[in-house]
Amino acid sequence: MLFLNHPLVRARFLEHGKVYTLRSSRRKKEGPQTLVQGSRFKHRPVGKGLVILAKELKALTPKALAGFVRNSGFRSAQAWLEAYVRFNHGKCVVPAYLYKVSKLSQRLEV
């Protein structure tokens, strides 16, 4: 299960079928995942996606994200970094993990 709680990230995924998402910890599982919105205890499905580690970022700068920002849902790498820090309670956690999430058919069982 992968949470897509930021509205820009979720909208990008739903409109274009793929999105890059930045995470502060490495996922234990990659591959087909159910994508959800909400909390661990109360969430609703968004869709199904293939989650693949694209890159481990040891330094988190706008330059490091420049090649991925177009498919992130954010207008700029700086805006993306600011959202990442907000989601991590004001901390810029590194290393950070960049995942590519591609839409899968709704028929696929995860």
Protein backbone atom coordinates (compact mmCIF):
# COMPACT_ATOMS: atom_id res chain seq x y z
CA MET A 1 0.00 0.00 0.00
CA LEU A 2 1.33 3.42 -0.99
CA PHE A 3 -0.21 6.67 0.23
CA LEU A 4 -0.73 9.48 -2.27
CA ASN A 5 -1.90 12.15 0.17
CA HIS A 6 -0.55 15.28 -1.48
CA PRO A 7 -3.27 16.60 -3.81
CA LEU A 8 -0.83 17.62 -6.57
CA VAL A 9 0.86 14.21 -6.59
CA ARG A 10 -2.46 12.38 -6.59
CA ALA A 11 -3.86 14.57 -9.37
CA ARG A 12 -0.76 14.00 -11.52
CA PHE A 13 -1.11 10.24 -11.11
CA LEU A 14 -4.84 10.23 -11.87
CA GLU A 15 -4.55 12.52 -14.91
CA HIS A 16 -1.37 11.16 -16.48
CA GLY A 17 -1.01 7.61 -15.19
CA LYS A 18 2.42 8.13 -13.69
CA VAL A 19 4.09 10.22 -11.03
CA TYR A 20 7.40 10.51 -9.22
CA THR A 21 7.11 10.59 -5.44
CA LEU A 22 9.77 11.41 -2.89
CA ARG A 23 9.95 9.33 0.29
CA SER A 24 12.03 9.68 3.45
CA SER A 25 12.46 5.93 3.88
CA ARG A 26 13.11 3.08 1.53
CA ARG A 27 10.08 0.90 0.90
CA LYS A 28 10.24 -2.73 1.96
CA LYS A 29 8.26 -3.76 -1.09
CA GLU A 30 8.33 -2.59 -4.68
CA GLY A 31 6.17 -3.79 -7.55
CA PRO A 32 2.36 -3.77 -7.81
CA GLN A 33 0.74 -1.79 -4.98
CA THR A 34 -2.67 -0.48 -4.00
CA LEU A 35 -2.56 3.33 -3.93
CA VAL A 36 -4.61 5.05 -1.24
CA GLN A 37 -5.50 8.43 0.20
CA GLY A 38 -5.94 9.02 3.93
CA SER A 39 -4.38 7.47 7.02
CA ARG A 40 -3.26 4.00 7.94
CA PHE A 41 -6.52 3.39 9.78
CA LYS A 42 -8.96 5.21 7.50
CA HIS A 43 -8.18 5.42 3.80
CA ARG A 44 -9.81 5.05 0.43
CA PRO A 45 -8.36 3.52 -2.75
CA VAL A 46 -7.00 5.76 -5.48
CA GLY A 47 -5.94 3.02 -7.90
CA LYS A 48 -3.30 0.41 -8.55
CA GLY A 49 0.27 1.21 -9.48
CA LEU A 50 3.64 -0.29 -10.18
CA VAL A 51 6.09 1.22 -7.66
CA ILE A 52 9.77 1.19 -8.64
CA LEU A 53 12.76 2.82 -6.95
CA ALA A 54 14.09 5.35 -9.46
CA LYS A 55 16.92 6.85 -7.44
CA GLU A 56 18.39 7.20 -3.96
CA LEU A 57 19.23 10.85 -3.30
CA LYS A 58 22.05 11.42 -0.81
CA ALA A 59 21.81 15.19 -1.28
CA LEU A 60 18.41 16.78 -1.70
CA THR A 61 18.65 19.86 -3.92
CA PRO A 62 16.50 21.36 -6.68
CA LYS A 63 19.20 20.29 -9.15
CA ALA A 64 18.90 16.64 -8.02
CA LEU A 65 15.14 16.72 -8.74
CA ALA A 66 15.26 18.78 -11.94
CA GLY A 67 14.96 15.80 -14.30
CA PHE A 68 11.92 14.42 -12.47
CA VAL A 69 9.88 17.51 -11.57
CA ARG A 70 7.83 17.44 -14.79
CA ASN A 71 6.17 14.20 -13.65
CA SER A 72 5.94 15.06 -9.96
CA GLY A 73 2.80 17.21 -9.95
CA PHE A 74 4.74 20.24 -8.68
CA ARG A 75 5.52 23.39 -10.67
CA SER A 76 9.16 23.48 -9.60
CA ALA A 77 11.80 21.44 -7.82
CA GLN A 78 11.83 24.05 -5.04
CA ALA A 79 8.07 23.64 -4.46
CA TRP A 80 8.54 19.86 -4.39
CA LEU A 81 11.32 20.15 -1.79
CA GLU A 82 9.23 22.47 0.37
CA ALA A 83 6.33 19.98 0.33
CA TYR A 84 8.74 17.14 1.22
CA VAL A 85 10.01 19.09 4.24
CA ARG A 86 6.43 19.89 5.36
CA PHE A 87 5.42 16.22 5.12
CA ASN A 88 8.48 15.32 7.23
CA HIS A 89 7.59 17.69 10.08
CA GLY A 90 10.00 20.46 9.03
CA LYS A 91 13.00 18.19 8.43
CA CYS A 92 14.85 17.58 5.19
CA VAL A 93 15.46 13.87 5.65
CA VAL A 94 18.32 12.37 3.64
CA PRO A 95 18.91 10.05 2.05
CA ALA A 96 15.60 10.41 0.24
CA TYR A 97 14.13 7.84 -2.10
CA LEU A 98 12.55 8.75 -5.42
CA TYR A 99 9.92 6.31 -6.67
CA LYS A 100 8.25 6.10 -10.03
CA VAL A 101 4.59 5.06 -9.79
CA SER A 102 2.92 3.91 -13.02
CA LYS A 103 -0.78 3.15 -13.30
CA LEU A 104 -1.80 -0.48 -13.61
CA SER A 105 -5.05 -1.91 -14.91
CA GLN A 106 -7.80 -1.94 -12.29
CA ARG A 107 -8.23 -5.67 -12.92
CA LEU A 108 -4.82 -6.58 -11.51
CA GLU A 109 -4.96 -8.22 -8.09
CA VAL A 110 -2.35 -6.90 -5.66
